[in-house]
C-alpha cells in the first residue's frame, strides 16, 4: 500500500484520511518503538483532530483488516502496533521527509515515460493506477502517457503490473515536444508555486505555545500539508523550474514551525499514553526535521 490510496493529504483535517493521521501519529511520536501503543491514546488523539470516538475506533478496525495495524488485548486493555507493511510505509515516508526540500538530486536529462491502456470497464483500476503514478511523481502528458523527470520507470511499471494492468510500456529517454513549456508543462508549475507560498504563509508568524492540544492539532495540520507536496511537486529538478522556486524556503518555514511546536505537542501525546500506562509514556518522543541543508 502507498499512502495515496487513502486520499491526498491536505492542510485541513476535513479532507484528510484518518488512516494517514494514525500513521503520522506513529511516525511523529512513536518512531521505531517496539512496544505497542495503548488504543485509548490513539483514539483520544484522533478525537483531538476532529473525529468522533466511534469513527476513530472504526478507523483502527479498518487498518487491522488492511494489514496496517495489529491489535492485541491483555485483560481489558487493548493496544495497537504497526505491521511490517505499515512500518515500511512510515519509514519510506520518513526518508522522503528527511530529504525533500533539502537535497537537490542532479538531473541526468532523461525522462521516465510510461504508456499504458486500461479498459473503460475497469474504472476502479484506472483510478488506482493514476493515484499510484502520482504518488511516484508522474503526471499525464497525454491520456495514457505519463512521465516523470526521475528514474522511476521500472518502479512504476511494477506498480501497474501489481494492479493487474496488462498493457504497459516503459522507457527512459530524452524528450522533444511541440507543447509550449516542454514536457514539464504536464505539471501546473504556477499553481504549485502558489500552493507553496500559501502554505508558507499559513505556517509563518509567531508560534503560540502553552496549549498542548492546540499544538498537537497544528503540528499534525502542517505535517500533512507538507506531505501533500509529495504529489504536487514530485521533486521537480531545479533545471526544470523557475529560479525563484519556493520549495527550499517553504521547507525552512515549515520545519521551523513544526520543530517549535514539538515539545508542546509531545506533552499532549505523552499525557494521553500516561493516562493508561505511565511506563509507556516515557517512550513517547517527537520527530525533529532539519531546517537547513548541511551542504
Protein backbone atom coordinates (compact mmCIF):
# COMPACT_ATOMS: atom_id res chain seq x y z
CA UNK A 1 0.00 0.00 0.00
CA UNK A 2 1.04 3.57 -0.64
CA UNK A 3 -0.40 6.45 1.33
CA UNK A 4 -2.18 7.91 -1.68
CA UNK A 5 -4.75 5.12 -1.58
CA UNK A 6 -6.34 6.86 1.38
CA UNK A 7 -6.69 10.23 -0.35
CA UNK A 8 -4.24 13.06 -0.77
CA UNK A 9 -3.25 14.91 2.37
CA UNK A 10 -4.47 18.47 2.73
CA UNK A 11 -3.74 21.33 5.12
CA UNK A 12 -7.18 20.91 6.73
CA UNK A 13 -8.46 17.91 8.67
CA UNK A 14 -11.85 17.57 6.98
CA UNK A 15 -10.47 16.09 3.76
CA UNK A 16 -7.63 14.19 5.39
CA UNK A 17 -7.79 10.43 5.73
CA UNK A 18 -7.86 9.23 9.34
CA UNK A 19 -5.57 6.40 8.24
CA UNK A 20 -2.94 8.99 7.36
CA UNK A 21 -3.39 10.62 10.71
CA UNK A 22 -2.81 7.34 12.54
CA UNK A 23 0.34 6.58 10.56
CA UNK A 24 1.57 10.11 11.21
CA UNK A 25 0.97 9.74 14.95
CA UNK A 26 3.20 6.66 14.93
CA UNK A 27 5.81 8.37 12.76
CA UNK A 28 5.86 11.61 14.77
CA UNK A 29 5.60 10.31 18.34
CA UNK A 30 6.19 6.54 18.39
CA UNK A 31 9.12 6.23 16.00
CA UNK A 32 10.59 2.71 15.95
CA UNK A 33 9.16 1.85 19.37
CA UNK A 34 8.90 -1.92 19.79
CA UNK A 35 6.08 -1.80 22.35
CA UNK A 36 2.52 -1.31 21.08
CA UNK A 37 0.69 1.95 21.72
CA UNK A 38 -2.37 1.94 24.01
CA UNK A 39 -5.51 2.05 21.89
CA UNK A 40 -7.13 4.64 24.13
CA UNK A 41 -4.28 7.08 23.48
CA UNK A 42 -4.68 6.74 19.72
CA UNK A 43 -8.44 7.15 19.89
CA UNK A 44 -8.24 10.29 22.02
CA UNK A 45 -5.55 11.73 19.75
CA UNK A 46 -7.89 11.21 16.79
CA UNK A 47 -10.72 12.95 18.62
CA UNK A 48 -8.33 15.86 19.19
CA UNK A 49 -8.11 16.01 15.40
CA UNK A 50 -11.88 16.19 14.96
CA UNK A 51 -13.03 12.58 14.70
CA UNK A 52 -15.86 11.14 16.75
CA UNK A 53 -14.78 8.28 19.02
CA UNK A 54 -16.80 5.74 17.03
CA UNK A 55 -15.16 6.86 13.79
CA UNK A 56 -11.72 6.70 15.40
CA UNK A 57 -12.28 3.13 16.55
CA UNK A 58 -13.69 2.18 13.16
CA UNK A 59 -10.52 3.55 11.55
CA UNK A 60 -8.35 1.32 13.72
CA UNK A 61 -10.52 -1.69 12.89
CA UNK A 62 -10.22 -0.92 9.18
CA UNK A 63 -6.43 -0.62 9.48
CA UNK A 64 -6.24 -4.00 11.20
CA UNK A 65 -8.24 -5.56 8.37
CA UNK A 66 -5.98 -3.82 5.87
CA UNK A 67 -2.81 -5.24 7.47
CA UNK A 68 -1.60 -1.84 8.66
CA UNK A 69 -2.11 -2.37 12.39
CA UNK A 70 -2.04 -5.35 14.71
CA UNK A 71 -4.37 -5.30 17.69
CA UNK A 72 -3.62 -7.06 20.98
CA UNK A 73 -5.64 -7.40 24.17
CA UNK A 74 -4.41 -8.09 27.69
CA UNK A 75 -7.32 -8.21 30.08
CA UNK A 76 -9.50 -5.18 29.37
CA UNK A 77 -6.67 -3.19 27.77
CA UNK A 78 -6.14 -3.13 24.03
CA UNK A 79 -3.08 -1.94 22.14
CA UNK A 80 -2.15 -1.38 18.51
CA UNK A 81 1.18 -1.58 16.72
CA UNK A 82 2.27 -1.09 13.12
CA UNK A 83 2.54 -4.19 10.98
CA UNK A 84 5.74 -4.74 8.97
CA UNK A 85 3.83 -3.48 5.95
CA UNK A 86 2.89 -0.24 7.70
CA UNK A 87 6.40 0.23 9.12
CA UNK A 88 7.72 0.09 5.57
CA UNK A 89 5.28 2.85 4.57
CA UNK A 90 6.19 5.03 7.58
CA UNK A 91 9.94 4.50 7.11
CA UNK A 92 9.75 5.32 3.42
CA UNK A 93 7.79 8.47 4.20
CA UNK A 94 10.37 9.38 6.84
CA UNK A 95 13.17 9.12 4.28
CA UNK A 96 11.25 11.44 1.97
CA UNK A 97 10.67 13.94 4.78
CA UNK A 98 14.37 13.96 5.64
CA UNK A 99 15.38 14.87 2.08
CA UNK A 100 12.60 16.78 0.34
CA UNK A 101 13.39 20.48 0.11
CA UNK A 102 16.93 19.92 1.39
CA UNK A 103 18.68 17.61 -1.05
CA UNK A 104 18.61 18.50 -4.75
CA UNK A 105 19.46 15.44 -6.84
CA UNK A 106 21.23 16.41 -10.10
CA UNK A 107 19.11 15.72 -13.16
CA UNK A 108 20.53 13.46 -15.88
CA UNK A 109 18.30 14.97 -18.59
CA UNK A 110 16.28 11.77 -19.05
CA UNK A 111 12.56 11.29 -18.56
CA UNK A 112 10.74 8.19 -17.37
CA UNK A 113 7.86 7.57 -19.77
CA UNK A 114 5.04 5.16 -19.16
CA UNK A 115 2.40 4.21 -21.73
CA UNK A 116 -0.48 2.00 -20.66
CA UNK A 117 -4.04 1.13 -21.50
CA UNK A 118 -6.83 0.19 -19.10
CA UNK A 119 -10.26 -0.76 -20.47
CA UNK A 120 -13.16 1.58 -19.71
CA UNK A 121 -14.88 -1.25 -17.86
CA UNK A 122 -12.06 -1.30 -15.29
CA UNK A 123 -12.58 2.22 -13.93
CA UNK A 124 -11.58 1.35 -10.38
CA UNK A 125 -8.23 0.01 -11.61
CA UNK A 126 -7.75 3.15 -13.70
CA UNK A 127 -8.31 5.41 -10.69
CA UNK A 128 -5.93 3.39 -8.51
CA UNK A 129 -3.27 3.29 -11.24
CA UNK A 130 -3.38 7.07 -11.60
CA UNK A 131 -3.13 7.52 -7.84
CA UNK A 132 -0.09 5.22 -7.67
CA UNK A 133 1.61 7.04 -10.53
CA UNK A 134 1.03 10.47 -8.99
CA UNK A 135 2.49 9.21 -5.73
CA UNK A 136 5.60 8.13 -7.64
CA UNK A 137 5.91 11.60 -9.19
CA UNK A 138 4.32 11.02 -12.60
CA UNK A 139 1.89 13.28 -14.43
CA UNK A 140 -0.09 12.73 -17.65
CA UNK A 141 1.35 14.33 -20.79
CA UNK A 142 -1.42 12.73 -22.85
CA UNK A 143 -4.17 10.28 -21.98
CA UNK A 144 -2.36 7.02 -21.23
CA UNK A 145 1.12 8.56 -21.47
CA UNK A 146 2.63 9.57 -18.13
CA UNK A 147 6.10 10.89 -17.40
CA UNK A 148 8.47 11.78 -14.60
CA UNK A 149 11.86 13.53 -14.65
CA UNK A 150 13.15 10.96 -12.16
CA UNK A 151 14.36 7.40 -12.75
CA UNK A 152 11.20 5.59 -11.71
CA UNK A 153 10.06 3.86 -14.88
CA UNK A 154 10.80 0.37 -13.58
CA UNK A 155 9.14 1.01 -10.23
CA UNK A 156 6.06 2.48 -11.89
CA UNK A 157 5.77 -0.44 -14.30
CA UNK A 158 5.98 -2.90 -11.41
CA UNK A 159 3.23 -0.99 -9.57
CA UNK A 160 0.92 -1.12 -12.57
CA UNK A 161 1.56 -4.80 -13.12
CA UNK A 162 0.83 -5.42 -9.45
CA UNK A 163 -2.56 -3.79 -10.04
CA UNK A 164 -3.21 -6.14 -12.96
CA UNK A 165 -2.63 -3.63 -15.76
CA UNK A 166 -1.57 -5.84 -18.66
CA UNK A 167 -0.62 -3.40 -21.43
CA UNK A 168 2.30 -1.32 -20.14
CA UNK A 169 5.41 0.06 -21.86
CA UNK A 170 8.13 1.98 -20.02
CA UNK A 171 11.29 3.76 -21.14
CA UNK A 172 13.97 6.26 -20.13
CA UNK A 173 14.65 8.84 -22.80
CA UNK A 174 15.29 12.44 -23.74
CA UNK A 175 12.12 14.14 -24.94
CA UNK A 176 11.30 16.73 -27.55
CA UNK A 177 7.78 18.08 -27.83
CA UNK A 178 5.96 20.89 -29.61
CA UNK A 179 3.92 21.53 -26.47
CA UNK A 180 4.52 25.03 -25.11
CA UNK A 181 6.60 24.85 -21.97
CA UNK A 182 8.08 21.45 -22.76
CA UNK A 183 7.37 18.12 -21.02
CA UNK A 184 7.24 19.83 -17.62
CA UNK A 185 4.01 21.50 -18.72
CA UNK A 186 2.34 18.25 -17.62
CA UNK A 187 2.54 19.88 -14.20
CA UNK A 188 0.94 23.26 -13.48
CA UNK A 189 4.10 24.81 -12.05
CA UNK A 190 2.50 28.21 -11.48
CA UNK A 191 -0.19 26.57 -9.37
CA UNK A 192 2.37 24.52 -7.43
CA UNK A 193 4.42 27.63 -6.68
CA UNK A 194 1.28 29.41 -5.49
CA UNK A 195 0.47 26.45 -3.23
CA UNK A 196 3.95 26.64 -1.74
CA UNK A 197 3.54 30.32 -0.98
CA UNK A 198 0.08 29.86 0.53
CA UNK A 199 1.35 27.05 2.71
CA UNK A 200 4.42 29.05 3.78
CA UNK A 201 2.13 31.93 4.79
CA UNK A 202 -0.03 29.55 6.82
CA UNK A 203 2.94 28.35 8.89
CA UNK A 204 4.56 31.76 9.33
CA UNK A 205 4.33 34.09 12.27
CA UNK A 206 4.88 33.56 15.95
CA UNK A 207 4.21 30.15 17.47
CA UNK A 208 1.85 30.32 20.44
CA UNK A 209 2.79 27.63 22.92
CA UNK A 210 1.14 26.54 26.13
CA UNK A 211 -1.89 24.61 24.84
CA UNK A 212 -0.79 21.00 24.18
CA UNK A 213 -3.98 20.05 22.33
CA UNK A 214 -3.75 23.05 20.00
CA UNK A 215 -0.05 22.39 19.41
CA UNK A 216 -0.77 18.74 18.60
CA UNK A 217 -3.51 19.71 16.15
CA UNK A 218 -1.41 22.38 14.45
CA UNK A 219 1.63 20.13 14.17
CA UNK A 220 -0.49 17.44 12.52
CA UNK A 221 -2.02 20.02 10.17
CA UNK A 222 1.29 21.32 8.88
CA UNK A 223 2.86 17.86 8.66
CA UNK A 224 0.04 16.64 6.43
CA UNK A 225 0.16 19.89 4.50
CA UNK A 226 3.85 19.41 3.76
CA UNK A 227 3.33 15.75 2.85
CA UNK A 228 0.83 16.87 0.19
CA UNK A 229 3.69 18.40 -1.81
CA UNK A 230 4.97 14.91 -2.48
CA UNK A 231 2.20 14.67 -5.07
CA UNK A 232 2.02 18.35 -6.02
CA UNK A 233 5.72 18.99 -6.65
CA UNK A 234 7.19 15.47 -7.07
CA UNK A 235 10.69 16.84 -6.56
CA UNK A 236 10.90 18.54 -9.95
CA UNK A 237 14.61 19.08 -10.75
CA UNK A 238 15.96 22.59 -10.34
CA UNK A 239 16.80 22.61 -14.04
CA UNK A 240 13.08 22.47 -14.90
CA UNK A 241 11.60 25.09 -12.55
CA UNK A 242 11.92 28.88 -12.28
CA UNK A 243 14.94 30.30 -10.45
CA UNK A 244 12.74 31.57 -7.60
CA UNK A 245 11.14 28.16 -6.99
CA UNK A 246 9.88 28.29 -3.36
CA UNK A 247 10.46 24.68 -2.33
CA UNK A 248 13.54 25.33 -0.15
CA UNK A 249 12.20 28.46 1.55
CA UNK A 250 8.87 26.76 2.27
CA UNK A 251 10.66 23.74 3.71
CA UNK A 252 12.59 26.06 6.02
CA UNK A 253 9.43 27.85 7.23
CA UNK A 254 7.54 24.59 7.73
CA UNK A 255 10.35 22.78 9.56
CA UNK A 256 10.97 25.74 11.86
CA UNK A 257 7.34 25.89 12.99
CA UNK A 258 6.98 22.10 13.14
CA UNK A 259 10.03 21.86 15.42
CA UNK A 260 8.87 24.76 17.59
CA UNK A 261 5.55 23.00 18.21
CA UNK A 262 7.26 19.71 19.04
CA UNK A 263 7.74 19.95 22.79
CA UNK A 264 4.19 21.10 23.49
CA UNK A 265 2.64 18.56 21.10
CA UNK A 266 4.75 15.77 22.60
CA UNK A 267 3.44 16.78 26.01
CA UNK A 268 -0.11 16.10 24.78
CA UNK A 269 0.77 12.70 23.34
CA UNK A 270 2.78 11.74 26.39
CA UNK A 271 -0.14 12.70 28.62
CA UNK A 272 -2.56 10.54 26.63
CA UNK A 273 -0.32 7.49 26.97
CA UNK A 274 0.40 8.23 30.65
CA UNK A 275 -3.32 8.16 31.47
CA UNK A 276 -3.24 4.48 30.52
CA UNK A 277 0.33 3.39 31.27
CA UNK A 278 2.82 5.74 32.91
CA UNK A 279 5.73 3.48 31.99
CA UNK A 280 4.93 3.53 28.30
CA UNK A 281 4.64 7.31 28.38
CA UNK A 282 8.42 7.54 28.61
CA UNK A 283 8.63 6.03 25.13
CA UNK A 284 6.84 8.96 23.52
CA UNK A 285 9.21 11.19 21.56
CA UNK A 286 8.95 13.88 18.90
CA UNK A 287 10.30 13.89 15.39
CA UNK A 288 12.58 16.81 14.55
CA UNK A 289 13.07 18.00 10.98
CA UNK A 290 16.20 19.61 9.53
CA UNK A 291 15.58 23.22 8.60
CA UNK A 292 18.70 23.81 6.51
CA UNK A 293 20.91 21.71 4.25
CA UNK A 294 24.33 20.91 5.67
CA UNK A 295 25.90 21.50 2.28
